[in-house]
C-alpha atoms as a PDB file:
ATOM      1  CA  MET A   1       0.000   0.000   0.000  1.00  0.00           C
ATOM      2  CA  GLU A   2       1.369   3.442  -0.951  1.00  0.00           C
ATOM      3  CA  GLN A   3       1.559   6.290   1.557  1.00  0.00           C
ATOM      4  CA  ASN A   4      -1.205   8.269  -0.200  1.00  0.00           C
ATOM      5  CA  GLU A   5      -3.520   5.297   0.254  1.00  0.00           C
ATOM      6  CA  ILE A   6      -2.520   4.979   3.917  1.00  0.00           C
ATOM      7  CA  ASN A   7      -3.152   8.699   4.468  1.00  0.00           C
ATOM      8  CA  ARG A   8      -6.593   8.435   2.858  1.00  0.00           C
ATOM      9  CA  ALA A   9      -7.522   5.310   4.840  1.00  0.00           C
ATOM     10  CA  GLU A  10      -6.411   6.973   8.086  1.00  0.00           C
ATOM     11  CA  TRP A  11      -8.359  10.146   7.255  1.00  0.00           C
ATOM     12  CA  GLU A  12     -11.496   8.120   6.491  1.00  0.00           C
ATOM     13  CA  ASN A  13     -11.218   6.109   9.739  1.00  0.00           C
ATOM     14  CA  PRO A  14     -13.699   7.622  12.234  1.00  0.00           C
ATOM     15  CA  ASP A  15     -11.543   6.369  15.134  1.00  0.00           C
ATOM     16  CA  ASN A  16      -8.952   9.008  14.186  1.00  0.00           C
ATOM     17  CA  TRP A  17     -11.426  11.874  14.697  1.00  0.00           C
ATOM     18  CA  THR A  18     -12.639  13.246  18.025  1.00  0.00           C
ATOM     19  CA  GLY A  19     -15.460  15.681  18.678  1.00  0.00           C
ATOM     20  CA  PRO A  20     -18.355  16.947  16.609  1.00  0.00           C
ATOM     21  CA  LYS A  21     -17.711  17.106  12.844  1.00  0.00           C
ATOM     22  CA  TRP A  22     -17.722  20.930  12.764  1.00  0.00           C
ATOM     23  CA  LEU A  23     -15.022  21.090  15.484  1.00  0.00           C
ATOM     24  CA  SER A  24     -13.322  17.721  15.058  1.00  0.00           C
ATOM     25  CA  VAL A  25      -9.719  16.969  16.029  1.00  0.00           C
ATOM     26  CA  TYR A  26      -7.596  14.576  13.967  1.00  0.00           C
ATOM     27  CA  PHE A  27      -4.942  12.217  15.387  1.00  0.00           C
ATOM     28  CA  SER A  28      -3.070   9.677  13.267  1.00  0.00           C
ATOM     29  CA  LYS A  29       0.549   8.607  13.569  1.00  0.00           C
ATOM     30  CA  LYS A  30       0.334   6.660  10.294  1.00  0.00           C
ATOM     31  CA  ASP A  31      -0.785   9.704   8.265  1.00  0.00           C
ATOM     32  CA  THR A  32       2.314  11.604   7.118  1.00  0.00           C
ATOM     33  CA  ARG A  33       0.521  14.928   6.636  1.00  0.00           C
ATOM     34  CA  THR A  34       0.710  17.731   9.206  1.00  0.00           C
ATOM     35  CA  TRP A  35      -2.350  19.534   7.795  1.00  0.00           C
ATOM     36  CA  VAL A  36      -5.433  17.593   6.692  1.00  0.00           C
ATOM     37  CA  PRO A  37      -8.824  18.702   5.361  1.00  0.00           C
ATOM     38  CA  LYS A  38     -11.637  18.856   7.892  1.00  0.00           C
ATOM     39  CA  GLN A  39     -14.404  16.258   7.661  1.00  0.00           C
ATOM     40  CA  ILE A  40     -16.651  19.039   6.353  1.00  0.00           C
ATOM     41  CA  PRO A  41     -14.517  20.525   3.525  1.00  0.00           C
ATOM     42  CA  ALA A  42     -16.121  23.982   3.764  1.00  0.00           C
ATOM     43  CA  LEU A  43     -14.588  24.338   7.256  1.00  0.00           C
ATOM     44  CA  GLY A  44     -11.031  24.247   5.905  1.00  0.00           C
ATOM     45  CA  TRP A  45      -8.114  22.324   7.349  1.00  0.00           C
ATOM     46  CA  THR A  46      -6.922  21.045  10.716  1.00  0.00           C
ATOM     47  CA  VAL A  47      -3.637  19.798  12.121  1.00  0.00           C
ATOM     48  CA  ASN A  48      -2.768  16.154  12.615  1.00  0.00           C
ATOM     49  CA  LEU A  49      -2.065  15.878  16.333  1.00  0.00           C
ATOM     50  CA  GLY A  50      -0.432  12.499  15.721  1.00  0.00           C
ATOM     51  CA  LYS A  51       2.580  14.387  14.348  1.00  0.00           C
ATOM     52  CA  THR A  52       4.903  16.551  16.432  1.00  0.00           C
ATOM     53  CA  ALA A  53       4.633  19.368  13.877  1.00  0.00           C
ATOM     54  CA  GLY A  54       0.845  19.332  14.247  1.00  0.00           C
ATOM     55  CA  VAL A  55       1.146  19.729  18.012  1.00  0.00           C
ATOM     56  CA  PHE A  56       3.578  22.643  17.556  1.00  0.00           C
ATOM     57  CA  TRP A  57       1.163  24.350  15.149  1.00  0.00           C
ATOM     58  CA  LEU A  58      -1.690  23.979  17.630  1.00  0.00           C
ATOM     59  CA  VAL A  59       0.399  25.296  20.531  1.00  0.00           C
ATOM     60  CA  GLY A  60       1.532  28.161  18.312  1.00  0.00           C
ATOM     61  CA  PHE A  61      -2.065  29.153  17.624  1.00  0.00           C
ATOM     62  CA  VAL A  62      -3.248  28.713  21.204  1.00  0.00           C
ATOM     63  CA  VAL A  63      -0.331  30.675  22.690  1.00  0.00           C
ATOM     64  CA  GLY A  64       0.675  32.899  19.788  1.00  0.00           C
ATOM     65  CA  LEU A  65      -2.694  34.345  18.822  1.00  0.00           C
ATOM     66  CA  PRO A  66      -3.599  35.676  22.295  1.00  0.00           C
ATOM     67  CA  LEU A  67      -0.033  36.971  22.696  1.00  0.00           C
ATOM     68  CA  LEU A  68      -0.303  38.804  19.374  1.00  0.00           C
ATOM     69  CA  ILE A  69      -3.606  40.365  20.434  1.00  0.00           C
ATOM     70  CA  ILE A  70      -2.104  41.531  23.741  1.00  0.00           C
ATOM     71  CA  LEU A  71       0.917  43.019  21.972  1.00  0.00           C
ATOM     72  CA  LEU A  72      -1.328  44.839  19.487  1.00  0.00           C
ATOM     73  CA  MET A  73      -3.464  46.209  22.308  1.00  0.00           C
ATOM     74  CA  LEU A  74      -0.352  47.470  24.101  1.00  0.00           C
ATOM     75  CA  ALA A  75       0.983  49.044  20.884  1.00  0.00           C
ATOM     76  CA  ILE A  76      -2.310  50.902  20.275  1.00  0.00           C
ATOM     77  CA  GLN A  77      -2.311  52.548  23.705  1.00  0.00           C
END
């Protein structure tokens, strides 16, 4: 089986998704992609938390976005 087929099979496996479809979280160590499409394509993409890079992206958003907002608020004052 080629890696593209493995990635697709992992993405289609409901056991690799947690939460409601509109806010689902993806976790697969066998899928080589860091970013994967959401289960509902109109909602964009999500990170693969089965990969270290995916975890770093998530932490970057969770920590970085609020920090950026705080810095912008301080700069405006």
